[in-house]
N, C-alpha and C. Protein backbone atom coordinates (compact mmCIF):
# COMPACT_ATOMS: atom_id res chain seq x y z
N MET A 1 105.13 110.49 153.04
CA MET A 1 104.10 110.91 152.08
C MET A 1 102.77 110.30 152.47
N THR A 2 101.72 111.13 152.55
CA THR A 2 100.39 110.64 152.91
C THR A 2 99.76 109.88 151.75
N HIS A 3 98.67 109.20 152.06
CA HIS A 3 97.94 108.46 151.01
C HIS A 3 97.46 109.42 149.92
N LEU A 4 96.97 110.58 150.34
CA LEU A 4 96.49 111.57 149.37
C LEU A 4 97.63 112.04 148.48
N GLU A 5 98.76 112.32 149.05
CA GLU A 5 99.91 112.77 148.26
C GLU A 5 100.32 111.72 147.24
N THR A 6 100.27 110.45 147.66
CA THR A 6 100.61 109.35 146.76
C THR A 6 99.62 109.30 145.60
N GLU A 7 98.32 109.43 145.90
CA GLU A 7 97.30 109.40 144.88
C GLU A 7 97.45 110.57 143.90
N LEU A 8 97.78 111.73 144.43
CA LEU A 8 97.95 112.91 143.57
C LEU A 8 99.15 112.76 142.64
N GLU A 9 100.20 112.16 143.17
CA GLU A 9 101.40 111.95 142.36
C GLU A 9 101.13 110.93 141.25
N GLN A 10 100.41 109.90 141.59
CA GLN A 10 100.05 108.89 140.58
C GLN A 10 99.12 109.47 139.51
N LEU A 11 98.22 110.35 139.94
CA LEU A 11 97.33 111.03 139.00
C LEU A 11 98.12 111.89 138.04
N LYS A 12 99.05 112.63 138.57
CA LYS A 12 99.90 113.49 137.73
C LYS A 12 100.68 112.65 136.72
N THR A 13 101.24 111.55 137.15
CA THR A 13 101.99 110.66 136.24
C THR A 13 101.11 110.17 135.10
N ALA A 14 99.88 109.78 135.45
CA ALA A 14 98.96 109.28 134.43
C ALA A 14 98.60 110.36 133.41
N VAL A 15 98.43 111.60 133.85
CA VAL A 15 98.08 112.69 132.94
C VAL A 15 99.28 113.05 132.06
N VAL A 16 100.47 113.04 132.64
CA VAL A 16 101.68 113.30 131.84
C VAL A 16 101.82 112.25 130.74
N GLU A 17 101.58 110.99 131.09
CA GLU A 17 101.64 109.91 130.10
C GLU A 17 100.59 110.11 129.01
N MET A 18 99.41 110.58 129.40
CA MET A 18 98.34 110.88 128.43
C MET A 18 98.78 111.99 127.48
N ALA A 19 99.44 112.99 128.02
CA ALA A 19 99.92 114.10 127.20
C ALA A 19 101.01 113.63 126.23
N GLU A 20 101.86 112.75 126.70
CA GLU A 20 102.92 112.20 125.82
C GLU A 20 102.29 111.38 124.69
N LEU A 21 101.27 110.63 125.01
CA LEU A 21 100.58 109.84 123.99
C LEU A 21 99.90 110.76 122.96
N ALA A 22 99.28 111.84 123.43
CA ALA A 22 98.64 112.79 122.53
C ALA A 22 99.67 113.41 121.59
N LYS A 23 100.82 113.76 122.12
CA LYS A 23 101.88 114.34 121.29
C LYS A 23 102.32 113.34 120.22
N ASN A 24 102.51 112.10 120.62
CA ASN A 24 102.94 111.06 119.66
C ASN A 24 101.89 110.84 118.57
N GLN A 25 100.63 110.92 118.96
CA GLN A 25 99.55 110.72 117.98
C GLN A 25 99.60 111.80 116.88
N ILE A 26 99.76 113.04 117.30
CA ILE A 26 99.83 114.14 116.32
C ILE A 26 101.08 114.00 115.47
N ALA A 27 102.21 113.65 116.09
CA ALA A 27 103.47 113.49 115.32
C ALA A 27 103.33 112.37 114.29
N LYS A 28 102.64 111.32 114.64
CA LYS A 28 102.46 110.20 113.70
C LYS A 28 101.59 110.60 112.52
N THR A 29 100.58 111.44 112.77
CA THR A 29 99.73 111.86 111.65
C THR A 29 100.53 112.72 110.67
N LYS A 30 101.48 113.49 111.19
CA LYS A 30 102.34 114.29 110.30
C LYS A 30 103.11 113.36 109.36
N ASN A 31 103.73 112.37 109.94
CA ASN A 31 104.51 111.41 109.15
C ASN A 31 103.61 110.67 108.15
N ALA A 32 102.46 110.24 108.63
CA ALA A 32 101.55 109.48 107.77
C ALA A 32 101.02 110.33 106.63
N LEU A 33 100.69 111.59 106.91
CA LEU A 33 100.10 112.46 105.90
C LEU A 33 101.14 112.81 104.82
N LEU A 34 102.33 113.18 105.23
CA LEU A 34 103.35 113.60 104.27
C LEU A 34 103.84 112.43 103.41
N ASN A 35 103.77 111.23 103.97
CA ASN A 35 104.25 110.04 103.24
C ASN A 35 103.12 109.13 102.75
N VAL A 36 101.89 109.55 102.94
CA VAL A 36 100.72 108.74 102.58
C VAL A 36 100.90 107.31 103.10
N ASP A 37 101.18 107.22 104.40
CA ASP A 37 101.44 105.92 105.03
C ASP A 37 100.18 105.46 105.75
N VAL A 38 99.44 104.58 105.12
CA VAL A 38 98.17 104.10 105.67
C VAL A 38 98.41 103.26 106.92
N ASP A 39 99.53 102.57 106.99
CA ASP A 39 99.81 101.73 108.15
C ASP A 39 99.97 102.58 109.42
N ILE A 40 100.68 103.72 109.29
CA ILE A 40 100.84 104.61 110.45
C ILE A 40 99.49 105.20 110.83
N ALA A 41 98.68 105.54 109.84
CA ALA A 41 97.35 106.07 110.11
C ALA A 41 96.52 105.04 110.88
N GLU A 42 96.63 103.79 110.51
CA GLU A 42 95.91 102.72 111.20
C GLU A 42 96.41 102.58 112.63
N GLU A 43 97.71 102.78 112.84
CA GLU A 43 98.27 102.72 114.20
C GLU A 43 97.70 103.84 115.06
N VAL A 44 97.56 105.02 114.47
CA VAL A 44 96.97 106.15 115.21
C VAL A 44 95.53 105.81 115.63
N LEU A 45 94.79 105.23 114.74
CA LEU A 45 93.40 104.87 115.07
C LEU A 45 93.35 103.79 116.16
N HIS A 46 94.31 102.87 116.10
CA HIS A 46 94.36 101.83 117.14
C HIS A 46 94.69 102.42 118.50
N HIS A 47 95.64 103.37 118.52
CA HIS A 47 96.04 103.98 119.79
C HIS A 47 94.98 104.92 120.33
N GLU A 48 94.06 105.34 119.47
CA GLU A 48 92.97 106.19 119.93
C GLU A 48 92.13 105.45 120.98
N THR A 49 92.00 104.14 120.81
CA THR A 49 91.24 103.36 121.82
C THR A 49 91.97 103.38 123.17
N TRP A 50 93.31 103.41 123.13
CA TRP A 50 94.07 103.53 124.37
C TRP A 50 93.78 104.86 125.05
N MET A 51 93.76 105.91 124.24
CA MET A 51 93.51 107.24 124.81
C MET A 51 92.13 107.32 125.44
N ASN A 52 91.15 106.73 124.78
CA ASN A 52 89.79 106.73 125.34
C ASN A 52 89.74 105.95 126.65
N ALA A 53 90.46 104.81 126.70
CA ALA A 53 90.48 104.02 127.92
C ALA A 53 91.22 104.78 129.03
N ASN A 54 92.30 105.45 128.69
CA ASN A 54 93.06 106.23 129.66
C ASN A 54 92.23 107.36 130.22
N GLU A 55 91.46 108.02 129.34
CA GLU A 55 90.63 109.13 129.81
C GLU A 55 89.63 108.64 130.86
N LEU A 56 88.99 107.51 130.61
CA LEU A 56 88.02 106.95 131.55
C LEU A 56 88.68 106.58 132.87
N ARG A 57 89.89 106.00 132.77
CA ARG A 57 90.61 105.59 133.98
C ARG A 57 91.01 106.79 134.83
N ILE A 58 91.49 107.83 134.18
CA ILE A 58 91.92 109.04 134.90
C ILE A 58 90.71 109.72 135.56
N ASP A 59 89.59 109.79 134.82
CA ASP A 59 88.37 110.35 135.39
C ASP A 59 87.95 109.57 136.64
N LYS A 60 88.06 108.25 136.56
CA LYS A 60 87.69 107.40 137.70
C LYS A 60 88.62 107.66 138.88
N ASP A 61 89.90 107.82 138.59
CA ASP A 61 90.86 108.11 139.65
C ASP A 61 90.52 109.43 140.35
N CYS A 62 90.14 110.43 139.57
CA CYS A 62 89.76 111.73 140.13
C CYS A 62 88.54 111.58 141.02
N GLU A 63 87.55 110.84 140.55
CA GLU A 63 86.33 110.62 141.34
C GLU A 63 86.66 109.91 142.65
N ASN A 64 87.55 108.95 142.63
CA ASN A 64 87.94 108.23 143.84
C ASN A 64 88.63 109.16 144.83
N ILE A 65 89.47 110.06 144.32
CA ILE A 65 90.16 111.01 145.21
C ILE A 65 89.14 111.92 145.88
N PHE A 66 88.16 112.39 145.12
CA PHE A 66 87.11 113.23 145.71
C PHE A 66 86.35 112.46 146.80
N ALA A 67 86.01 111.21 146.49
CA ALA A 67 85.19 110.41 147.40
C ALA A 67 85.95 110.03 148.68
N LEU A 68 87.22 109.69 148.52
CA LEU A 68 87.99 109.14 149.64
C LEU A 68 88.69 110.19 150.50
N TYR A 69 89.10 111.30 149.86
CA TYR A 69 89.99 112.24 150.56
C TYR A 69 89.41 113.65 150.70
N ASN A 70 88.34 113.95 149.97
CA ASN A 70 87.72 115.28 150.04
C ASN A 70 88.78 116.39 150.01
N PRO A 71 89.57 116.49 148.93
CA PRO A 71 90.67 117.46 148.88
C PRO A 71 90.16 118.90 148.94
N VAL A 72 91.01 119.76 149.48
CA VAL A 72 90.66 121.18 149.60
C VAL A 72 91.82 122.03 149.10
N ALA A 73 91.53 123.32 148.91
CA ALA A 73 92.55 124.31 148.54
C ALA A 73 93.36 123.86 147.33
N GLY A 74 94.69 123.85 147.47
CA GLY A 74 95.58 123.53 146.34
C GLY A 74 95.35 122.13 145.79
N ASP A 75 95.09 121.18 146.66
CA ASP A 75 94.85 119.80 146.20
C ASP A 75 93.57 119.72 145.38
N LEU A 76 92.56 120.48 145.79
CA LEU A 76 91.30 120.50 145.05
C LEU A 76 91.50 121.12 143.66
N ARG A 77 92.24 122.23 143.62
CA ARG A 77 92.53 122.87 142.34
C ARG A 77 93.27 121.91 141.43
N PHE A 78 94.20 121.17 141.98
CA PHE A 78 95.01 120.23 141.19
C PHE A 78 94.13 119.16 140.57
N VAL A 79 93.27 118.54 141.36
CA VAL A 79 92.42 117.45 140.84
C VAL A 79 91.44 117.98 139.78
N LEU A 80 90.87 119.14 140.04
CA LEU A 80 89.96 119.73 139.06
C LEU A 80 90.68 120.03 137.76
N ALA A 81 91.91 120.54 137.88
CA ALA A 81 92.71 120.84 136.67
C ALA A 81 93.06 119.56 135.92
N MET A 82 93.39 118.50 136.64
CA MET A 82 93.75 117.24 135.97
C MET A 82 92.54 116.66 135.21
N MET A 83 91.37 116.83 135.78
CA MET A 83 90.15 116.35 135.08
C MET A 83 89.96 117.11 133.78
N LYS A 84 90.12 118.42 133.83
CA LYS A 84 89.93 119.24 132.62
C LYS A 84 91.02 118.97 131.60
N ILE A 85 92.26 118.86 132.05
CA ILE A 85 93.37 118.56 131.14
C ILE A 85 93.18 117.21 130.48
N ASN A 86 92.72 116.25 131.25
CA ASN A 86 92.45 114.91 130.72
C ASN A 86 91.46 114.97 129.56
N ALA A 87 90.39 115.75 129.74
CA ALA A 87 89.37 115.89 128.70
C ALA A 87 89.94 116.57 127.47
N GLU A 88 90.76 117.59 127.67
CA GLU A 88 91.36 118.31 126.54
C GLU A 88 92.30 117.38 125.75
N LEU A 89 93.05 116.56 126.45
CA LEU A 89 93.97 115.63 125.78
C LEU A 89 93.21 114.58 124.98
N GLU A 90 92.08 114.16 125.52
CA GLU A 90 91.28 113.18 124.77
C GLU A 90 90.78 113.78 123.46
N ARG A 91 90.44 115.08 123.49
CA ARG A 91 90.00 115.77 122.28
C ARG A 91 91.15 115.90 121.28
N VAL A 92 92.37 116.11 121.76
CA VAL A 92 93.53 116.11 120.87
C VAL A 92 93.63 114.78 120.16
N GLY A 93 93.44 113.70 120.92
CA GLY A 93 93.45 112.36 120.33
C GLY A 93 92.37 112.18 119.29
N ASP A 94 91.21 112.74 119.53
CA ASP A 94 90.11 112.66 118.56
C ASP A 94 90.50 113.34 117.25
N HIS A 95 91.15 114.49 117.33
CA HIS A 95 91.56 115.21 116.12
C HIS A 95 92.63 114.42 115.36
N ALA A 96 93.55 113.78 116.10
CA ALA A 96 94.55 112.95 115.45
C ALA A 96 93.88 111.79 114.71
N ALA A 97 92.89 111.19 115.32
CA ALA A 97 92.15 110.08 114.69
C ALA A 97 91.41 110.58 113.45
N GLY A 98 90.87 111.78 113.52
CA GLY A 98 90.19 112.35 112.38
C GLY A 98 91.11 112.54 111.19
N ILE A 99 92.32 113.03 111.46
CA ILE A 99 93.32 113.20 110.39
C ILE A 99 93.71 111.82 109.83
N ALA A 100 93.85 110.85 110.72
CA ALA A 100 94.20 109.49 110.28
C ALA A 100 93.13 108.93 109.35
N ASN A 101 91.89 109.24 109.63
CA ASN A 101 90.80 108.79 108.74
C ASN A 101 90.91 109.40 107.36
N TYR A 102 91.31 110.68 107.28
CA TYR A 102 91.53 111.31 105.97
C TYR A 102 92.61 110.59 105.22
N ILE A 103 93.69 110.27 105.92
CA ILE A 103 94.85 109.63 105.27
C ILE A 103 94.49 108.27 104.68
N GLN A 104 93.62 107.56 105.37
CA GLN A 104 93.19 106.26 104.86
C GLN A 104 92.46 106.37 103.53
N GLY A 105 91.93 107.55 103.23
CA GLY A 105 91.23 107.74 101.97
C GLY A 105 92.13 108.31 100.87
N MET A 106 93.42 108.45 101.14
CA MET A 106 94.35 109.01 100.16
C MET A 106 95.06 107.91 99.36
N THR A 107 95.28 108.19 98.10
CA THR A 107 96.03 107.24 97.26
C THR A 107 97.27 107.88 96.64
N GLN A 108 97.43 109.18 96.87
CA GLN A 108 98.63 109.87 96.39
C GLN A 108 98.97 111.02 97.32
N ALA A 109 100.22 111.47 97.25
CA ALA A 109 100.69 112.51 98.15
C ALA A 109 100.11 113.88 97.80
N LEU A 110 100.04 114.74 98.78
CA LEU A 110 99.63 116.12 98.52
C LEU A 110 100.69 116.81 97.68
N PRO A 111 100.29 117.71 96.80
CA PRO A 111 101.28 118.45 96.00
C PRO A 111 102.24 119.23 96.89
N GLU A 112 103.53 119.11 96.62
CA GLU A 112 104.53 119.78 97.46
C GLU A 112 104.32 121.30 97.49
N ALA A 113 103.94 121.85 96.36
CA ALA A 113 103.72 123.30 96.29
C ALA A 113 102.58 123.72 97.22
N LEU A 114 101.52 122.92 97.28
CA LEU A 114 100.39 123.23 98.13
C LEU A 114 100.77 123.09 99.61
N ILE A 115 101.56 122.07 99.92
CA ILE A 115 102.04 121.89 101.29
C ILE A 115 102.84 123.11 101.73
N LYS A 116 103.70 123.59 100.84
CA LYS A 116 104.54 124.73 101.17
C LYS A 116 103.72 126.00 101.32
N GLU A 117 102.84 126.25 100.36
CA GLU A 117 102.05 127.49 100.37
C GLU A 117 101.10 127.54 101.57
N SER A 118 100.57 126.40 101.97
CA SER A 118 99.63 126.36 103.10
C SER A 118 100.34 126.37 104.44
N ARG A 119 101.66 126.17 104.44
CA ARG A 119 102.49 126.15 105.66
C ARG A 119 102.11 124.97 106.57
N LEU A 120 101.73 123.86 105.95
CA LEU A 120 101.30 122.69 106.71
C LEU A 120 102.39 122.17 107.64
N VAL A 121 103.60 122.01 107.11
CA VAL A 121 104.71 121.47 107.93
C VAL A 121 105.03 122.41 109.08
N GLU A 122 105.03 123.70 108.80
CA GLU A 122 105.27 124.69 109.85
C GLU A 122 104.22 124.60 110.94
N MET A 123 102.98 124.40 110.53
CA MET A 123 101.88 124.28 111.50
C MET A 123 102.02 123.01 112.33
N TYR A 124 102.37 121.91 111.67
CA TYR A 124 102.58 120.66 112.38
C TYR A 124 103.70 120.78 113.41
N ASP A 125 104.84 121.37 112.97
CA ASP A 125 105.97 121.49 113.86
C ASP A 125 105.65 122.36 115.08
N ALA A 126 104.89 123.43 114.86
CA ALA A 126 104.51 124.28 115.97
C ALA A 126 103.58 123.54 116.94
N THR A 127 102.65 122.78 116.38
CA THR A 127 101.72 122.02 117.21
C THR A 127 102.44 120.97 118.06
N ILE A 128 103.36 120.25 117.44
CA ILE A 128 104.11 119.22 118.17
C ILE A 128 104.99 119.87 119.23
N ASN A 129 105.59 121.02 118.91
CA ASN A 129 106.40 121.74 119.88
C ASN A 129 105.56 122.21 121.06
N MET A 130 104.34 122.65 120.77
CA MET A 130 103.44 123.05 121.86
C MET A 130 103.11 121.87 122.77
N LEU A 131 102.86 120.72 122.17
CA LEU A 131 102.57 119.52 122.97
C LEU A 131 103.77 119.10 123.79
N GLU A 132 104.96 119.20 123.22
CA GLU A 132 106.19 118.89 123.98
C GLU A 132 106.33 119.84 125.17
N SER A 133 106.01 121.11 124.96
CA SER A 133 106.08 122.09 126.05
C SER A 133 105.08 121.76 127.15
N ILE A 134 103.89 121.31 126.74
CA ILE A 134 102.86 120.98 127.72
C ILE A 134 103.28 119.78 128.55
N VAL A 135 103.87 118.78 127.90
CA VAL A 135 104.36 117.61 128.64
C VAL A 135 105.39 118.04 129.68
N GLU A 136 106.32 118.90 129.26
CA GLU A 136 107.37 119.38 130.17
C GLU A 136 106.79 120.23 131.28
N ALA A 137 105.83 121.10 130.94
CA ALA A 137 105.21 121.97 131.94
C ALA A 137 104.45 121.14 132.99
N LEU A 138 103.72 120.13 132.53
CA LEU A 138 103.01 119.25 133.43
C LEU A 138 103.96 118.50 134.36
N ASP A 139 105.01 117.95 133.77
CA ASP A 139 105.94 117.12 134.52
C ASP A 139 106.70 117.91 135.55
N ASN A 140 106.98 119.19 135.24
CA ASN A 140 107.80 120.01 136.13
C ASN A 140 107.05 121.12 136.84
N ASN A 141 105.73 121.14 136.68
CA ASN A 141 104.92 122.19 137.29
C ASN A 141 105.45 123.59 136.94
N ASP A 142 105.78 123.76 135.67
CA ASP A 142 106.45 124.99 135.22
C ASP A 142 105.48 125.86 134.42
N THR A 143 105.04 126.95 135.04
CA THR A 143 104.08 127.83 134.39
C THR A 143 104.73 128.66 133.27
N ASN A 144 106.03 128.92 133.38
CA ASN A 144 106.72 129.67 132.33
C ASN A 144 106.70 128.89 131.00
N ILE A 145 106.92 127.60 131.10
CA ILE A 145 106.87 126.76 129.88
C ILE A 145 105.44 126.69 129.37
N ALA A 146 104.49 126.59 130.28
CA ALA A 146 103.08 126.52 129.87
C ALA A 146 102.68 127.77 129.10
N ARG A 147 103.20 128.92 129.49
CA ARG A 147 102.83 130.18 128.85
C ARG A 147 103.33 130.27 127.41
N LYS A 148 104.32 129.47 127.05
CA LYS A 148 104.80 129.49 125.67
C LYS A 148 103.70 129.11 124.69
N ALA A 149 102.75 128.30 125.17
CA ALA A 149 101.66 127.84 124.30
C ALA A 149 100.83 128.99 123.77
N PHE A 150 100.67 130.05 124.55
CA PHE A 150 99.85 131.17 124.12
C PHE A 150 100.45 131.86 122.90
N LYS A 151 101.76 132.03 122.91
CA LYS A 151 102.42 132.69 121.79
C LYS A 151 102.39 131.81 120.54
N GLN A 152 102.65 130.52 120.72
CA GLN A 152 102.67 129.61 119.57
C GLN A 152 101.29 129.41 118.96
N ASP A 153 100.25 129.53 119.77
CA ASP A 153 98.90 129.36 119.25
C ASP A 153 98.55 130.44 118.25
N LYS A 154 99.15 131.62 118.39
CA LYS A 154 98.88 132.72 117.46
C LYS A 154 99.30 132.34 116.04
N MET A 155 100.41 131.60 115.93
CA MET A 155 100.86 131.16 114.61
C MET A 155 99.87 130.21 113.98
N LEU A 156 99.35 129.28 114.78
CA LEU A 156 98.37 128.33 114.26
C LEU A 156 97.11 129.06 113.77
N ASN A 157 96.69 130.05 114.53
CA ASN A 157 95.51 130.82 114.13
C ASN A 157 95.75 131.57 112.82
N GLU A 158 96.96 132.08 112.68
CA GLU A 158 97.30 132.82 111.44
C GLU A 158 97.28 131.90 110.23
N ILE A 159 97.90 130.73 110.37
CA ILE A 159 97.94 129.77 109.25
C ILE A 159 96.53 129.32 108.90
N ASN A 160 95.74 129.03 109.91
CA ASN A 160 94.36 128.60 109.67
C ASN A 160 93.54 129.69 108.99
N LYS A 161 93.75 130.94 109.40
CA LYS A 161 93.01 132.06 108.84
C LYS A 161 93.28 132.22 107.34
N ASN A 162 94.52 131.98 106.93
CA ASN A 162 94.90 132.17 105.53
C ASN A 162 94.70 130.94 104.67
N ALA A 163 94.44 129.80 105.30
CA ALA A 163 94.40 128.52 104.58
C ALA A 163 93.35 128.48 103.48
N SER A 164 92.14 128.94 103.78
CA SER A 164 91.07 128.82 102.79
C SER A 164 91.38 129.61 101.53
N THR A 165 91.93 130.80 101.67
CA THR A 165 92.27 131.63 100.51
C THR A 165 93.37 130.98 99.68
N ILE A 166 94.40 130.47 100.37
CA ILE A 166 95.54 129.86 99.67
C ILE A 166 95.11 128.59 98.95
N ILE A 167 94.35 127.75 99.62
CA ILE A 167 93.93 126.48 99.04
C ILE A 167 92.95 126.70 97.88
N ALA A 168 92.04 127.65 98.03
CA ALA A 168 91.07 127.96 96.97
C ALA A 168 91.80 128.44 95.71
N ALA A 169 92.80 129.29 95.89
CA ALA A 169 93.55 129.81 94.76
C ALA A 169 94.31 128.70 94.04
N TYR A 170 94.84 127.77 94.83
CA TYR A 170 95.58 126.65 94.24
C TYR A 170 94.65 125.73 93.45
N VAL A 171 93.47 125.48 94.00
CA VAL A 171 92.51 124.59 93.34
C VAL A 171 92.02 125.17 92.02
N GLN A 172 91.92 126.48 91.97
CA GLN A 172 91.49 127.12 90.72
C GLN A 172 92.48 126.85 89.57
N LYS A 173 93.75 126.69 89.94
CA LYS A 173 94.77 126.39 88.93
C LYS A 173 94.89 124.90 88.68
N GLU A 174 94.63 124.09 89.72
CA GLU A 174 94.79 122.63 89.62
C GLU A 174 93.51 121.95 90.11
N VAL A 175 92.50 121.92 89.25
CA VAL A 175 91.20 121.39 89.65
C VAL A 175 91.27 119.91 90.07
N SER A 176 92.23 119.19 89.53
CA SER A 176 92.32 117.74 89.80
C SER A 176 92.64 117.41 91.26
N VAL A 177 93.13 118.40 92.03
CA VAL A 177 93.53 118.12 93.42
C VAL A 177 92.46 118.56 94.42
N VAL A 178 91.24 118.79 93.96
CA VAL A 178 90.18 119.29 94.85
C VAL A 178 90.01 118.39 96.08
N ARG A 179 89.92 117.10 95.86
CA ARG A 179 89.66 116.16 96.96
C ARG A 179 90.77 116.24 98.01
N TYR A 180 92.00 116.27 97.56
CA TYR A 180 93.12 116.32 98.50
C TYR A 180 93.26 117.67 99.15
N ALA A 181 92.86 118.71 98.42
CA ALA A 181 92.85 120.05 98.99
C ALA A 181 91.88 120.14 100.16
N LEU A 182 90.74 119.43 100.02
CA LEU A 182 89.76 119.40 101.11
C LEU A 182 90.33 118.66 102.32
N PHE A 183 91.07 117.56 102.07
CA PHE A 183 91.73 116.85 103.16
C PHE A 183 92.70 117.78 103.89
N LEU A 184 93.46 118.52 103.10
CA LEU A 184 94.45 119.44 103.66
C LEU A 184 93.77 120.53 104.49
N PHE A 185 92.72 121.11 103.94
CA PHE A 185 92.01 122.17 104.66
C PHE A 185 91.44 121.64 105.98
N SER A 186 90.87 120.46 105.94
CA SER A 186 90.30 119.86 107.16
C SER A 186 91.39 119.56 108.18
N THR A 187 92.55 119.13 107.71
CA THR A 187 93.67 118.86 108.61
C THR A 187 94.14 120.14 109.29
N ILE A 188 94.25 121.20 108.52
CA ILE A 188 94.66 122.49 109.10
C ILE A 188 93.65 122.97 110.15
N LYS A 189 92.38 122.79 109.87
CA LYS A 189 91.35 123.16 110.85
C LYS A 189 91.49 122.35 112.12
N LYS A 190 91.78 121.08 111.99
CA LYS A 190 91.93 120.22 113.16
C LYS A 190 93.18 120.61 113.97
N LEU A 191 94.26 120.93 113.29
CA LEU A 191 95.47 121.36 114.00
C LEU A 191 95.24 122.67 114.74
N GLU A 192 94.44 123.54 114.15
CA GLU A 192 94.11 124.80 114.82
C GLU A 192 93.31 124.51 116.09
N ARG A 193 92.41 123.56 116.03
CA ARG A 193 91.63 123.18 117.22
C ARG A 193 92.53 122.51 118.26
N VAL A 194 93.49 121.72 117.80
CA VAL A 194 94.45 121.14 118.75
C VAL A 194 95.17 122.24 119.50
N GLY A 195 95.54 123.29 118.78
CA GLY A 195 96.19 124.43 119.44
C GLY A 195 95.31 125.04 120.51
N ASP A 196 94.00 125.13 120.25
CA ASP A 196 93.08 125.66 121.25
C ASP A 196 93.05 124.77 122.49
N HIS A 197 93.04 123.46 122.27
CA HIS A 197 93.03 122.53 123.41
C HIS A 197 94.33 122.65 124.22
N ILE A 198 95.44 122.81 123.53
CA ILE A 198 96.72 122.97 124.23
C ILE A 198 96.72 124.24 125.05
N LYS A 199 96.19 125.32 124.49
CA LYS A 199 96.11 126.59 125.22
C LYS A 199 95.25 126.43 126.47
N ASN A 200 94.15 125.70 126.34
CA ASN A 200 93.29 125.43 127.50
C ASN A 200 94.05 124.66 128.58
N ILE A 201 94.86 123.71 128.15
CA ILE A 201 95.65 122.93 129.11
C ILE A 201 96.65 123.84 129.81
N ALA A 202 97.28 124.73 129.06
CA ALA A 202 98.23 125.67 129.65
C ALA A 202 97.54 126.52 130.73
N GLU A 203 96.32 126.96 130.45
CA GLU A 203 95.55 127.73 131.42
C GLU A 203 95.31 126.94 132.70
N GLU A 204 95.02 125.65 132.55
CA GLU A 204 94.76 124.82 133.73
C GLU A 204 96.03 124.60 134.56
N ILE A 205 97.16 124.46 133.88
CA ILE A 205 98.43 124.33 134.61
C ILE A 205 98.70 125.59 135.43
N ILE A 206 98.48 126.72 134.83
CA ILE A 206 98.68 127.99 135.53
C ILE A 206 97.65 128.16 136.65
N PHE A 207 96.44 127.67 136.40
CA PHE A 207 95.39 127.76 137.41
C PHE A 207 95.77 127.03 138.69
N TYR A 208 96.21 125.76 138.55
CA TYR A 208 96.50 125.01 139.78
C TYR A 208 97.82 125.40 140.39
N GLU A 209 98.72 125.98 139.62
CA GLU A 209 100.00 126.41 140.18
C GLU A 209 99.91 127.80 140.81
N GLU A 210 99.14 128.68 140.17
CA GLU A 210 99.12 130.08 140.62
C GLU A 210 97.75 130.57 141.00
N ALA A 211 96.73 129.68 140.91
CA ALA A 211 95.36 130.04 141.26
C ALA A 211 94.87 131.22 140.44
N LYS A 212 95.29 131.24 139.16
CA LYS A 212 94.84 132.29 138.23
C LYS A 212 94.03 131.66 137.13
N VAL A 213 93.01 132.37 136.68
CA VAL A 213 92.19 131.89 135.57
C VAL A 213 92.35 132.90 134.43
N LEU A 214 93.28 132.64 133.52
CA LEU A 214 93.63 133.59 132.48
C LEU A 214 92.52 133.81 131.47
N LYS A 215 91.69 132.79 131.22
CA LYS A 215 90.70 132.93 130.16
C LYS A 215 89.62 133.95 130.49
N HIS A 216 89.54 134.39 131.74
CA HIS A 216 88.54 135.39 132.11
C HIS A 216 89.17 136.78 132.27
N LYS A 217 90.45 136.89 131.98
CA LYS A 217 91.11 138.19 132.03
C LYS A 217 90.80 138.95 130.75
N LYS A 218 90.60 140.24 130.85
CA LYS A 218 90.30 141.05 129.68
C LYS A 218 91.54 141.19 128.82
N LYS A 219 91.35 141.15 127.51
CA LYS A 219 92.46 141.35 126.60
C LYS A 219 92.87 142.80 126.63
N LYS A 220 94.18 143.00 126.62
CA LYS A 220 94.68 144.36 126.64
C LYS A 220 94.64 144.92 125.21
């Protein structure tokens, strides 16, 4: 194995670990939100500093590879993709931290009826499943697994689209939950954005594996 191959393998390992951390951050916010667990929310905020540090380290590793090895063709596509994926994962971490901040301001659980009607748990499970798929796709260079993200993202968009109407109708009946309804709505918006970041990551995996750029293809 050449020095460049070793560096590329280490870069991939670091990005896979970053993806695993991002998945864990989102999963922890689910637990913290449903159980109003401020301690878990604080842990998410603490780990956000790790994600920020990891992002900077991975960016530096990519810069060093460019400077030392001047990669071309497939190797160049790979490093460019890792840089973009790294940035997308850091944004996932930002959204997890944002949800954790909401949780720190909560003193009681969200109404179970509102959780059910808004499909919050379903949205969380889909998001976590998408992140698990991305970790697997990255680790195994599997574009078929990466493509699953596109289908799952449609569900997140649907839930997000209906959230405002559902939450507004609930608040009209239960005015006392306005503050928590806003937390819920903001959380749903953040999970929808996480889905967008995951979809972008899936595109980058396909890009470096198949040299295709799906986001510029016309919708059928």
